[in-house]
Amino acid sequence: MPFDPATLRYNDAGLIPAIAQDATTGEVLMMAWMNAEAVAQTLQTGRVTYWSRSRQEFWIKGATSGHTQELVNFRVDCDRDCLLVTVNQTGAACHTGRRTCFYTEVQGGDEVEVVKLP
């Protein structure tokens, strides 16, 4: 059965959350938003494409930074309202320069930085 991006459950802004995970290590790298066109572009090109809510434009991961995400697998959750893209990540996934956006952890009520800048 062919995949149709229109069958996904987008929010009122026409967006769906997409979680990026390293295809080799399983590490969760980041979360960003896609619209139907970003989904289609990602599947067509193999370069993960998001929708930037702040800039109101498409954002091909790594187009300006060189920190690219090459699509390995594209998964849809059971409710069709969240995506999981497994990727080959080149460079940092986070705009802070860290490998992952999830670099802080709550430990015993304190927020602790667990992934330092390289």
N, C-alpha and C. Protein backbone atom coordinates (compact mmCIF):
# COMPACT_ATOMS: atom_id res chain seq x y z
N MET A 1 0.84 -1.17 0.00
CA MET A 1 0.00 0.00 0.00
C MET A 1 0.89 1.24 0.00
N PRO A 2 0.71 2.14 -0.94
CA PRO A 2 1.52 3.37 -0.99
C PRO A 2 1.27 4.27 0.22
N PHE A 3 2.32 4.94 0.67
CA PHE A 3 2.20 5.86 1.80
C PHE A 3 1.72 7.21 1.30
N ASP A 4 0.77 7.79 2.02
CA ASP A 4 0.23 9.10 1.69
C ASP A 4 0.39 10.01 2.90
N PRO A 5 1.25 11.06 2.82
CA PRO A 5 1.44 11.97 3.96
C PRO A 5 0.14 12.59 4.47
N ALA A 6 -0.88 12.66 3.64
CA ALA A 6 -2.16 13.24 4.05
C ALA A 6 -2.88 12.37 5.08
N THR A 7 -2.48 11.11 5.22
CA THR A 7 -3.12 10.23 6.19
C THR A 7 -2.60 10.42 7.61
N LEU A 8 -1.55 11.23 7.76
CA LEU A 8 -1.02 11.50 9.09
C LEU A 8 -1.93 12.48 9.82
N ARG A 9 -1.85 12.47 11.15
CA ARG A 9 -2.68 13.36 11.97
C ARG A 9 -1.84 14.57 12.39
N TYR A 10 -2.02 15.66 11.68
CA TYR A 10 -1.30 16.90 11.94
C TYR A 10 -2.06 17.73 12.98
N ASN A 11 -1.34 18.60 13.68
CA ASN A 11 -2.01 19.48 14.63
C ASN A 11 -2.73 20.59 13.89
N ASP A 12 -3.33 21.52 14.63
CA ASP A 12 -4.11 22.61 14.01
C ASP A 12 -3.27 23.51 13.12
N ALA A 13 -1.95 23.52 13.34
CA ALA A 13 -1.04 24.32 12.51
C ALA A 13 -0.54 23.53 11.30
N GLY A 14 -1.03 22.29 11.14
CA GLY A 14 -0.61 21.47 10.01
C GLY A 14 0.73 20.80 10.21
N LEU A 15 1.13 20.63 11.48
CA LEU A 15 2.45 20.08 11.80
C LEU A 15 2.34 18.78 12.58
N ILE A 16 3.39 17.99 12.48
CA ILE A 16 3.50 16.72 13.21
C ILE A 16 4.90 16.65 13.81
N PRO A 17 5.01 16.22 15.09
CA PRO A 17 6.35 16.10 15.68
C PRO A 17 7.13 14.95 15.04
N ALA A 18 8.42 15.19 14.85
CA ALA A 18 9.32 14.18 14.30
C ALA A 18 10.53 14.06 15.22
N ILE A 19 10.75 12.87 15.72
CA ILE A 19 11.88 12.59 16.60
C ILE A 19 12.98 11.97 15.75
N ALA A 20 14.18 12.53 15.85
CA ALA A 20 15.33 12.01 15.10
C ALA A 20 16.17 11.16 16.05
N GLN A 21 16.49 9.95 15.60
CA GLN A 21 17.26 8.99 16.38
C GLN A 21 18.42 8.48 15.54
N ASP A 22 19.59 8.35 16.16
CA ASP A 22 20.76 7.83 15.45
C ASP A 22 20.50 6.37 15.08
N ALA A 23 20.65 6.06 13.80
CA ALA A 23 20.35 4.72 13.31
C ALA A 23 21.32 3.66 13.83
N THR A 24 22.52 4.05 14.17
CA THR A 24 23.53 3.10 14.64
C THR A 24 23.48 2.90 16.15
N THR A 25 23.43 4.01 16.89
CA THR A 25 23.52 3.93 18.35
C THR A 25 22.18 3.90 19.06
N GLY A 26 21.12 4.35 18.39
CA GLY A 26 19.81 4.44 19.02
C GLY A 26 19.63 5.71 19.84
N GLU A 27 20.65 6.55 19.91
CA GLU A 27 20.58 7.78 20.69
C GLU A 27 19.51 8.72 20.10
N VAL A 28 18.67 9.27 20.98
CA VAL A 28 17.69 10.27 20.55
C VAL A 28 18.44 11.59 20.37
N LEU A 29 18.34 12.16 19.18
CA LEU A 29 19.12 13.34 18.84
C LEU A 29 18.35 14.64 19.00
N MET A 30 17.12 14.67 18.52
CA MET A 30 16.37 15.92 18.52
C MET A 30 14.91 15.65 18.21
N MET A 31 14.11 16.68 18.38
CA MET A 31 12.71 16.67 17.97
C MET A 31 12.46 17.98 17.22
N ALA A 32 11.77 17.89 16.11
CA ALA A 32 11.40 19.07 15.35
C ALA A 32 10.05 18.80 14.69
N TRP A 33 9.58 19.73 13.92
CA TRP A 33 8.25 19.63 13.31
C TRP A 33 8.36 19.44 11.80
N MET A 34 7.41 18.70 11.26
CA MET A 34 7.27 18.54 9.81
C MET A 34 5.84 18.86 9.43
N ASN A 35 5.69 19.36 8.21
CA ASN A 35 4.35 19.44 7.62
C ASN A 35 4.31 18.40 6.50
N ALA A 36 3.20 18.32 5.80
CA ALA A 36 3.06 17.27 4.78
C ALA A 36 4.12 17.39 3.69
N GLU A 37 4.46 18.61 3.31
CA GLU A 37 5.48 18.80 2.27
C GLU A 37 6.86 18.40 2.76
N ALA A 38 7.18 18.70 4.03
CA ALA A 38 8.48 18.28 4.59
C ALA A 38 8.57 16.76 4.65
N VAL A 39 7.46 16.11 4.99
CA VAL A 39 7.42 14.64 4.98
C VAL A 39 7.72 14.13 3.58
N ALA A 40 7.02 14.68 2.59
CA ALA A 40 7.20 14.25 1.20
C ALA A 40 8.63 14.50 0.72
N GLN A 41 9.19 15.67 1.04
CA GLN A 41 10.57 15.98 0.62
C GLN A 41 11.57 15.04 1.27
N THR A 42 11.37 14.75 2.55
CA THR A 42 12.27 13.85 3.26
C THR A 42 12.27 12.48 2.60
N LEU A 43 11.09 11.97 2.30
CA LEU A 43 10.99 10.65 1.68
C LEU A 43 11.53 10.65 0.25
N GLN A 44 11.36 11.73 -0.46
CA GLN A 44 11.82 11.81 -1.85
C GLN A 44 13.33 11.97 -1.94
N THR A 45 13.92 12.80 -1.07
CA THR A 45 15.34 13.13 -1.20
C THR A 45 16.26 12.33 -0.29
N GLY A 46 15.72 11.81 0.82
CA GLY A 46 16.56 11.12 1.80
C GLY A 46 17.31 12.08 2.71
N ARG A 47 17.12 13.37 2.53
CA ARG A 47 17.70 14.40 3.41
C ARG A 47 16.56 14.88 4.30
N VAL A 48 16.73 14.74 5.61
CA VAL A 48 15.64 15.05 6.52
C VAL A 48 15.33 16.54 6.47
N THR A 49 14.06 16.84 6.22
CA THR A 49 13.57 18.20 6.05
C THR A 49 12.50 18.47 7.09
N TYR A 50 12.64 19.59 7.79
CA TYR A 50 11.69 19.98 8.81
C TYR A 50 11.02 21.29 8.40
N TRP A 51 10.02 21.68 9.19
CA TRP A 51 9.39 22.99 9.02
C TRP A 51 9.80 23.85 10.20
N SER A 52 10.44 24.97 9.93
CA SER A 52 10.85 25.89 10.98
C SER A 52 9.68 26.79 11.35
N ARG A 53 9.19 26.64 12.57
CA ARG A 53 8.08 27.47 13.02
C ARG A 53 8.50 28.92 13.19
N SER A 54 9.73 29.16 13.63
CA SER A 54 10.18 30.54 13.85
C SER A 54 10.43 31.28 12.54
N ARG A 55 10.99 30.58 11.55
CA ARG A 55 11.31 31.22 10.27
C ARG A 55 10.20 31.04 9.23
N GLN A 56 9.25 30.12 9.53
CA GLN A 56 8.15 29.84 8.59
C GLN A 56 8.69 29.43 7.22
N GLU A 57 9.64 28.47 7.25
CA GLU A 57 10.21 27.97 6.00
C GLU A 57 10.76 26.56 6.22
N PHE A 58 11.00 25.87 5.11
CA PHE A 58 11.59 24.55 5.20
C PHE A 58 13.02 24.65 5.69
N TRP A 59 13.43 23.63 6.41
CA TRP A 59 14.76 23.58 7.02
C TRP A 59 15.32 22.18 6.73
N ILE A 60 16.22 22.12 5.77
CA ILE A 60 16.89 20.85 5.47
C ILE A 60 18.06 20.75 6.44
N LYS A 61 17.99 19.77 7.32
CA LYS A 61 19.00 19.65 8.38
C LYS A 61 20.39 19.60 7.76
N GLY A 62 21.23 20.55 8.17
CA GLY A 62 22.62 20.58 7.72
C GLY A 62 22.88 21.42 6.49
N ALA A 63 21.84 22.00 5.90
CA ALA A 63 22.03 22.78 4.67
C ALA A 63 23.00 23.94 4.88
N THR A 64 22.98 24.56 6.05
CA THR A 64 23.91 25.66 6.30
C THR A 64 25.04 25.27 7.24
N SER A 65 24.78 24.33 8.15
CA SER A 65 25.80 23.96 9.16
C SER A 65 26.70 22.82 8.71
N GLY A 66 26.23 22.02 7.75
CA GLY A 66 26.97 20.82 7.37
C GLY A 66 26.69 19.64 8.27
N HIS A 67 25.87 19.83 9.31
CA HIS A 67 25.51 18.77 10.25
C HIS A 67 24.25 18.08 9.74
N THR A 68 24.43 17.22 8.77
CA THR A 68 23.32 16.64 8.01
C THR A 68 22.72 15.41 8.68
N GLN A 69 21.50 15.14 8.26
CA GLN A 69 20.81 13.91 8.65
C GLN A 69 20.38 13.18 7.38
N GLU A 70 20.97 12.02 7.18
CA GLU A 70 20.61 11.16 6.06
C GLU A 70 19.57 10.17 6.56
N LEU A 71 18.43 10.12 5.92
CA LEU A 71 17.34 9.25 6.33
C LEU A 71 17.70 7.78 6.15
N VAL A 72 17.49 6.99 7.20
CA VAL A 72 17.66 5.54 7.14
C VAL A 72 16.29 4.87 7.16
N ASN A 73 15.46 5.22 8.15
CA ASN A 73 14.10 4.68 8.26
C ASN A 73 13.14 5.78 8.64
N PHE A 74 11.92 5.64 8.17
CA PHE A 74 10.85 6.61 8.47
C PHE A 74 9.70 5.82 9.07
N ARG A 75 9.40 6.08 10.34
CA ARG A 75 8.36 5.34 11.03
C ARG A 75 7.24 6.25 11.47
N VAL A 76 6.03 5.69 11.49
CA VAL A 76 4.82 6.39 11.92
C VAL A 76 4.31 5.68 13.16
N ASP A 77 3.95 6.43 14.21
CA ASP A 77 3.45 5.78 15.42
C ASP A 77 2.02 5.28 15.22
N CYS A 78 1.54 4.52 16.21
CA CYS A 78 0.24 3.84 16.10
C CYS A 78 -0.93 4.80 15.94
N ASP A 79 -0.83 6.00 16.48
CA ASP A 79 -1.91 6.98 16.35
C ASP A 79 -1.75 7.87 15.13
N ARG A 80 -0.65 7.70 14.41
CA ARG A 80 -0.33 8.46 13.20
C ARG A 80 -0.16 9.95 13.48
N ASP A 81 0.23 10.29 14.74
CA ASP A 81 0.40 11.70 15.09
C ASP A 81 1.81 12.03 15.56
N CYS A 82 2.76 11.14 15.30
CA CYS A 82 4.16 11.37 15.65
C CYS A 82 5.03 10.52 14.73
N LEU A 83 6.19 11.06 14.37
CA LEU A 83 7.10 10.36 13.47
C LEU A 83 8.41 10.06 14.18
N LEU A 84 9.05 8.98 13.75
CA LEU A 84 10.40 8.64 14.19
C LEU A 84 11.24 8.47 12.94
N VAL A 85 12.25 9.33 12.81
CA VAL A 85 13.16 9.19 11.68
C VAL A 85 14.50 8.71 12.23
N THR A 86 14.95 7.57 11.74
CA THR A 86 16.29 7.12 12.12
C THR A 86 17.22 7.63 11.04
N VAL A 87 18.36 8.15 11.48
CA VAL A 87 19.24 8.89 10.58
C VAL A 87 20.70 8.52 10.78
N ASN A 88 21.47 8.78 9.75
CA ASN A 88 22.93 8.83 9.88
C ASN A 88 23.24 10.30 10.08
N GLN A 89 23.66 10.63 11.30
CA GLN A 89 23.93 12.02 11.67
C GLN A 89 25.38 12.34 11.41
N THR A 90 25.62 13.43 10.70
CA THR A 90 26.97 13.95 10.52
C THR A 90 27.08 15.21 11.37
N GLY A 91 28.01 15.21 12.30
CA GLY A 91 28.19 16.37 13.18
C GLY A 91 27.14 16.43 14.26
N ALA A 92 27.00 17.62 14.83
CA ALA A 92 26.07 17.84 15.93
C ALA A 92 24.64 17.90 15.42
N ALA A 93 23.71 17.38 16.21
CA ALA A 93 22.29 17.50 15.88
C ALA A 93 21.71 18.77 16.51
N CYS A 94 22.29 19.22 17.60
CA CYS A 94 21.76 20.37 18.34
C CYS A 94 22.42 21.67 17.89
N HIS A 95 21.63 22.73 17.86
CA HIS A 95 22.17 24.05 17.47
C HIS A 95 23.21 24.56 18.46
N THR A 96 23.30 23.95 19.65
CA THR A 96 24.31 24.35 20.64
C THR A 96 25.67 23.76 20.34
N GLY A 97 25.73 22.85 19.36
CA GLY A 97 26.99 22.19 19.01
C GLY A 97 27.14 20.82 19.66
N ARG A 98 26.15 20.42 20.44
CA ARG A 98 26.19 19.09 21.07
C ARG A 98 25.63 18.05 20.12
N ARG A 99 25.98 16.82 20.35
CA ARG A 99 25.50 15.72 19.53
C ARG A 99 23.98 15.60 19.61
N THR A 100 23.39 15.83 20.80
CA THR A 100 21.96 15.68 21.02
C THR A 100 21.39 16.95 21.65
N CYS A 101 20.13 17.21 21.38
CA CYS A 101 19.43 18.33 22.03
C CYS A 101 19.07 17.98 23.47
N PHE A 102 19.08 16.71 23.80
CA PHE A 102 18.69 16.25 25.14
C PHE A 102 19.95 16.12 26.00
N TYR A 103 20.53 17.27 26.34
CA TYR A 103 21.81 17.27 27.05
C TYR A 103 21.70 17.60 28.52
N THR A 104 20.47 17.80 29.01
CA THR A 104 20.29 17.97 30.45
C THR A 104 19.39 16.88 30.99
N GLU A 105 19.58 16.57 32.26
CA GLU A 105 18.83 15.51 32.91
C GLU A 105 18.44 15.99 34.31
N VAL A 106 17.25 15.64 34.75
CA VAL A 106 16.84 15.97 36.12
C VAL A 106 17.26 14.80 37.01
N GLN A 107 18.12 15.12 37.97
CA GLN A 107 18.65 14.12 38.90
C GLN A 107 18.40 14.60 40.32
N GLY A 108 17.54 13.89 41.05
CA GLY A 108 17.26 14.27 42.43
C GLY A 108 16.73 15.68 42.58
N GLY A 109 15.96 16.15 41.61
CA GLY A 109 15.39 17.48 41.66
C GLY A 109 16.26 18.57 41.06
N ASP A 110 17.48 18.24 40.67
CA ASP A 110 18.39 19.22 40.06
C ASP A 110 18.54 18.94 38.57
N GLU A 111 18.69 20.00 37.81
CA GLU A 111 18.96 19.85 36.39
C GLU A 111 20.46 19.83 36.19
N VAL A 112 20.93 18.75 35.56
CA VAL A 112 22.36 18.53 35.41
C VAL A 112 22.69 18.38 33.92
N GLU A 113 23.75 19.07 33.47
CA GLU A 113 24.22 18.93 32.11
C GLU A 113 24.99 17.61 31.99
N VAL A 114 24.45 16.68 31.19
CA VAL A 114 25.09 15.36 31.09
C VAL A 114 25.84 15.17 29.78
N VAL A 115 25.63 16.07 28.82
CA VAL A 115 26.37 16.03 27.56
C VAL A 115 27.05 17.39 27.41
N LYS A 116 28.35 17.40 27.51
CA LYS A 116 29.11 18.65 27.42
C LYS A 116 29.41 18.99 25.97
N LEU A 117 29.74 20.24 25.73
CA LEU A 117 30.20 20.66 24.41
C LEU A 117 31.51 19.97 24.10
N PRO A 118 31.71 19.61 22.83
CA PRO A 118 33.00 18.97 22.47
C PRO A 118 34.17 19.92 22.61
